[in-house]
Amino acid sequence: MDFMTQNWYHWMHLWKYFLMIMIILSWAI
């Protein structure tokens, strides 16, 4: 069951990057 926790942490990192990209795009527009 350790795989699920690792996957969750990985998704959290992806969400952080996604949020930063969205903020940069909103600034560019």
PDB file of N, CA and C in Angstrom:
ATOM      1  N   MET A   1       0.828  -1.213   0.000  1.00  0.00           N
ATOM      2  CA  MET A   1       0.000   0.000   0.000  1.00  0.00           C
ATOM      3  C   MET A   1       0.866   1.270   0.000  1.00  0.00           C
ATOM      4  N   ASP A   2       2.188   1.096  -0.043  1.00  0.00           N
ATOM      5  CA  ASP A   2       3.068   2.260  -0.079  1.00  0.00           C
ATOM      6  C   ASP A   2       3.001   2.977  -1.430  1.00  0.00           C
ATOM      7  N   PHE A   3       2.666   2.213  -2.458  1.00  0.00           N
ATOM      8  CA  PHE A   3       2.611   2.783  -3.807  1.00  0.00           C
ATOM      9  C   PHE A   3       1.574   3.902  -3.887  1.00  0.00           C
ATOM     10  N   MET A   4       0.449   3.741  -3.219  1.00  0.00           N
ATOM     11  CA  MET A   4      -0.608   4.749  -3.273  1.00  0.00           C
ATOM     12  C   MET A   4      -0.125   6.075  -2.685  1.00  0.00           C
ATOM     13  N   THR A   5       0.567   6.022  -1.564  1.00  0.00           N
ATOM     14  CA  THR A   5       1.044   7.259  -0.944  1.00  0.00           C
ATOM     15  C   THR A   5       2.070   7.942  -1.837  1.00  0.00           C
ATOM     16  N   GLN A   6       2.950   7.145  -2.443  1.00  0.00           N
ATOM     17  CA  GLN A   6       3.946   7.715  -3.355  1.00  0.00           C
ATOM     18  C   GLN A   6       3.238   8.383  -4.530  1.00  0.00           C
ATOM     19  N   ASN A   7       2.210   7.731  -5.077  1.00  0.00           N
ATOM     20  CA  ASN A   7       1.476   8.288  -6.200  1.00  0.00           C
ATOM     21  C   ASN A   7       0.825   9.598  -5.798  1.00  0.00           C
ATOM     22  N   TRP A   8       0.271   9.653  -4.575  1.00  0.00           N
ATOM     23  CA  TRP A   8      -0.400  10.869  -4.098  1.00  0.00           C
ATOM     24  C   TRP A   8       0.599  12.026  -4.026  1.00  0.00           C
ATOM     25  N   TYR A   9       1.777  11.757  -3.493  1.00  0.00           N
ATOM     26  CA  TYR A   9       2.799  12.813  -3.404  1.00  0.00           C
ATOM     27  C   TYR A   9       3.189  13.289  -4.807  1.00  0.00           C
ATOM     28  N   HIS A  10       3.312  12.346  -5.736  1.00  0.00           N
ATOM     29  CA  HIS A  10       3.664  12.704  -7.108  1.00  0.00           C
ATOM     30  C   HIS A  10       2.602  13.611  -7.715  1.00  0.00           C
ATOM     31  N   TRP A  11       1.319  13.295  -7.467  1.00  0.00           N
ATOM     32  CA  TRP A  11       0.238  14.133  -8.006  1.00  0.00           C
ATOM     33  C   TRP A  11       0.249  15.513  -7.375  1.00  0.00           C
ATOM     34  N   MET A  12       0.588  15.587  -6.089  1.00  0.00           N
ATOM     35  CA  MET A  12       0.653  16.892  -5.436  1.00  0.00           C
ATOM     36  C   MET A  12       1.723  17.765  -6.104  1.00  0.00           C
ATOM     37  N   HIS A  13       2.863  17.163  -6.443  1.00  0.00           N
ATOM     38  CA  HIS A  13       3.918  17.918  -7.119  1.00  0.00           C
ATOM     39  C   HIS A  13       3.423  18.390  -8.482  1.00  0.00           C
ATOM     40  N   LEU A  14       2.735  17.496  -9.215  1.00  0.00           N
ATOM     41  CA  LEU A  14       2.221  17.888 -10.531  1.00  0.00           C
ATOM     42  C   LEU A  14       1.223  19.026 -10.385  1.00  0.00           C
ATOM     43  N   TRP A  15       0.365  18.969  -9.342  1.00  0.00           N
ATOM     44  CA  TRP A  15      -0.625  20.023  -9.130  1.00  0.00           C
ATOM     45  C   TRP A  15       0.061  21.361  -8.879  1.00  0.00           C
ATOM     46  N   LYS A  16       1.165  21.340  -8.113  1.00  0.00           N
ATOM     47  CA  LYS A  16       1.899  22.588  -7.832  1.00  0.00           C
ATOM     48  C   LYS A  16       2.418  23.197  -9.136  1.00  0.00           C
ATOM     49  N   TYR A  17       3.043  22.346  -9.971  1.00  0.00           N
ATOM     50  CA  TYR A  17       3.568  22.852 -11.242  1.00  0.00           C
ATOM     51  C   TYR A  17       2.428  23.362 -12.121  1.00  0.00           C
ATOM     52  N   PHE A  18       1.312  22.629 -12.140  1.00  0.00           N
ATOM     53  CA  PHE A  18       0.166  23.035 -12.956  1.00  0.00           C
ATOM     54  C   PHE A  18      -0.361  24.391 -12.497  1.00  0.00           C
ATOM     55  N   LEU A  19      -0.443  24.575 -11.193  1.00  0.00           N
ATOM     56  CA  LEU A  19      -0.938  25.844 -10.657  1.00  0.00           C
ATOM     57  C   LEU A  19      -0.011  26.989 -11.049  1.00  0.00           C
ATOM     58  N   MET A  20       1.303  26.760 -10.958  1.00  0.00           N
ATOM     59  CA  MET A  20       2.255  27.811 -11.337  1.00  0.00           C
ATOM     60  C   MET A  20       2.116  28.160 -12.814  1.00  0.00           C
ATOM     61  N   ILE A  21       1.969  27.149 -13.662  1.00  0.00           N
ATOM     62  CA  ILE A  21       1.824  27.404 -15.100  1.00  0.00           C
ATOM     63  C   ILE A  21       0.550  28.199 -15.370  1.00  0.00           C
ATOM     64  N   MET A  22      -0.536  27.861 -14.686  1.00  0.00           N
ATOM     65  CA  MET A  22      -1.796  28.582 -14.880  1.00  0.00           C
ATOM     66  C   MET A  22      -1.642  30.048 -14.484  1.00  0.00           C
ATOM     67  N   ILE A  23      -0.940  30.315 -13.376  1.00  0.00           N
ATOM     68  CA  ILE A  23      -0.733  31.704 -12.933  1.00  0.00           C
ATOM     69  C   ILE A  23       0.091  32.463 -13.970  1.00  0.00           C
ATOM     70  N   ILE A  24       1.143  31.830 -14.489  1.00  0.00           N
ATOM     71  CA  ILE A  24       1.986  32.492 -15.503  1.00  0.00           C
ATOM     72  C   ILE A  24       1.172  32.770 -16.759  1.00  0.00           C
ATOM     73  N   LEU A  25       0.338  31.803 -17.168  1.00  0.00           N
ATOM     74  CA  LEU A  25      -0.482  32.012 -18.366  1.00  0.00           C
ATOM     75  C   LEU A  25      -1.469  33.151 -18.147  1.00  0.00           C
ATOM     76  N   SER A  26      -2.066  33.225 -16.985  1.00  0.00           N
ATOM     77  CA  SER A  26      -3.033  34.298 -16.712  1.00  0.00           C
ATOM     78  C   SER A  26      -2.320  35.656 -16.746  1.00  0.00           C
ATOM     79  N   TRP A  27      -1.068  35.691 -16.309  1.00  0.00           N
ATOM     80  CA  TRP A  27      -0.292  36.935 -16.357  1.00  0.00           C
ATOM     81  C   TRP A  27       0.015  37.313 -17.808  1.00  0.00           C
ATOM     82  N   ALA A  28       0.347  36.297 -18.631  1.00  0.00           N
ATOM     83  CA  ALA A  28       0.723  36.556 -20.025  1.00  0.00           C
ATOM     84  C   ALA A  28      -0.460  37.111 -20.826  1.00  0.00           C
ATOM     85  N   ILE A  29      -1.645  36.603 -20.535  1.00  0.00           N
ATOM     86  CA  ILE A  29      -2.838  37.016 -21.307  1.00  0.00           C
ATOM     87  C   ILE A  29      -3.258  38.433 -20.929  1.00  0.00           C
TER      88      ILE A  29
END
